[in-house]
C-alpha atoms as a PDB file:
ATOM      1  CA  MET A   1      43.190  18.026  27.995  1.00  0.00           C
ATOM      2  CA  VAL A   2      42.403  19.957  24.842  1.00  0.00           C
ATOM      3  CA  ILE A   3      41.756  23.663  24.961  1.00  0.00           C
ATOM      4  CA  GLU A   4      39.047  24.544  22.431  1.00  0.00           C
ATOM      5  CA  LYS A   5      40.424  27.992  21.681  1.00  0.00           C
ATOM      6  CA  ASN A   6      44.089  27.460  22.416  1.00  0.00           C
ATOM      7  CA  GLN A   7      45.429  30.908  23.273  1.00  0.00           C
ATOM      8  CA  LEU A   8      48.923  29.439  23.521  1.00  0.00           C
ATOM      9  CA  LYS A   9      48.919  28.408  19.846  1.00  0.00           C
ATOM     10  CA  GLY A  10      52.121  29.622  18.262  1.00  0.00           C
ATOM     11  CA  GLU A  11      53.922  29.971  21.589  1.00  0.00           C
ATOM     12  CA  GLU A  12      57.413  28.601  21.812  1.00  0.00           C
ATOM     13  CA  ARG A  13      57.393  25.108  23.283  1.00  0.00           C
ATOM     14  CA  LYS A  14      59.971  23.467  25.507  1.00  0.00           C
ATOM     15  CA  ILE A  15      60.683  19.779  25.937  1.00  0.00           C
ATOM     16  CA  LEU A  16      60.688  18.170  29.376  1.00  0.00           C
ATOM     17  CA  SER A  17      62.199  14.811  30.171  1.00  0.00           C
ATOM     18  CA  THR A  18      62.939  12.817  33.273  1.00  0.00           C
ATOM     19  CA  ARG A  19      63.905   9.353  34.341  1.00  0.00           C
ATOM     20  CA  VAL A  20      61.489   7.381  36.464  1.00  0.00           C
ATOM     21  CA  TYR A  21      61.661   3.926  37.931  1.00  0.00           C
ATOM     22  CA  ARG A  22      60.067   1.128  35.940  1.00  0.00           C
ATOM     23  CA  THR A  23      57.330   0.653  38.575  1.00  0.00           C
ATOM     24  CA  GLU A  24      56.489   4.386  38.547  1.00  0.00           C
ATOM     25  CA  PHE A  25      56.231   4.293  34.768  1.00  0.00           C
ATOM     26  CA  ALA A  26      54.036   1.178  34.877  1.00  0.00           C
ATOM     27  CA  HIS A  27      51.663   2.861  37.345  1.00  0.00           C
ATOM     28  CA  PHE A  28      51.615   6.033  35.272  1.00  0.00           C
ATOM     29  CA  MET A  29      50.842   4.050  32.110  1.00  0.00           C
ATOM     30  CA  LYS A  30      47.989   2.310  33.939  1.00  0.00           C
ATOM     31  CA  ILE A  31      46.542   5.723  34.896  1.00  0.00           C
ATOM     32  CA  CYS A  32      46.799   6.830  31.259  1.00  0.00           C
ATOM     33  CA  GLN A  33      45.030   3.676  30.065  1.00  0.00           C
ATOM     34  CA  ILE A  34      42.248   4.022  32.639  1.00  0.00           C
ATOM     35  CA  GLU A  35      41.675   7.663  31.638  1.00  0.00           C
ATOM     36  CA  ASN A  36      42.093   6.820  27.933  1.00  0.00           C
ATOM     37  CA  LYS A  37      44.803   9.486  27.526  1.00  0.00           C
ATOM     38  CA  THR A  38      48.216   9.477  25.934  1.00  0.00           C
ATOM     39  CA  VAL A  39      51.307   9.931  28.065  1.00  0.00           C
ATOM     40  CA  ASN A  40      51.840  13.420  26.630  1.00  0.00           C
ATOM     41  CA  THR A  41      48.242  14.463  27.204  1.00  0.00           C
ATOM     42  CA  LYS A  42      48.312  13.265  30.813  1.00  0.00           C
ATOM     43  CA  LEU A  43      51.662  14.961  31.505  1.00  0.00           C
ATOM     44  CA  ARG A  44      50.436  18.268  30.049  1.00  0.00           C
ATOM     45  CA  GLU A  45      47.260  17.983  32.123  1.00  0.00           C
ATOM     46  CA  MET A  46      49.219  17.332  35.334  1.00  0.00           C
ATOM     47  CA  ILE A  47      51.626  20.200  34.652  1.00  0.00           C
ATOM     48  CA  ARG A  48      48.766  22.584  33.896  1.00  0.00           C
ATOM     49  CA  GLU A  49      46.935  21.562  37.108  1.00  0.00           C
ATOM     50  CA  GLU A  50      50.074  22.205  39.168  1.00  0.00           C
ATOM     51  CA  ILE A  51      50.618  25.602  37.540  1.00  0.00           C
ATOM     52  CA  ASN A  52      46.975  26.569  38.097  1.00  0.00           C
ATOM     53  CA  LYS A  53      47.217  25.499  41.731  1.00  0.00           C
ATOM     54  CA  ASN A  54      50.308  27.614  42.357  1.00  0.00           C
ATOM     55  CA  PHE A  55      49.878  30.555  39.990  1.00  0.00           C
ATOM     56  CA  GLY A  56      46.297  30.549  38.726  1.00  0.00           C
ATOM     57  CA  ASP A  57      45.127  30.053  35.157  1.00  0.00           C
ATOM     58  CA  ILE A  58      48.042  30.676  32.782  1.00  0.00           C
ATOM     59  CA  LEU A  59      45.664  31.838  30.075  1.00  0.00           C
ATOM     60  CA  GLU A  60      44.287  34.547  32.349  1.00  0.00           C
ATOM     61  CA  VAL A  61      46.002  37.907  31.858  1.00  0.00           C
ATOM     62  CA  LYS A  62      47.604  39.055  35.107  1.00  0.00           C
ATOM     63  CA  GLU A  63      50.161  41.601  36.112  1.00  0.00           C
ATOM     64  CA  TRP A  64      53.041  39.910  37.878  1.00  0.00           C
ATOM     65  CA  LYS A  65      55.001  41.945  40.393  1.00  0.00           C
ATOM     66  CA  VAL A  66      58.673  41.124  40.328  1.00  0.00           C
ATOM     67  CA  GLN A  67      60.630  42.043  43.415  1.00  0.00           C
END
């Protein structure tokens, strides 16, 4: 997923890694091929969807209340 006007440009980036079983990776690669996306693009898309689901759009300015 490409953001046309990437408001996060210049933000510090972090690297994520994990180990998955060979069959999980094979299924994930098949999803990437079907959607014509790279592994990195698909992972970023899935992470962004999960964040949006739990916290809303990360590019939207919000005031977070810390307790």
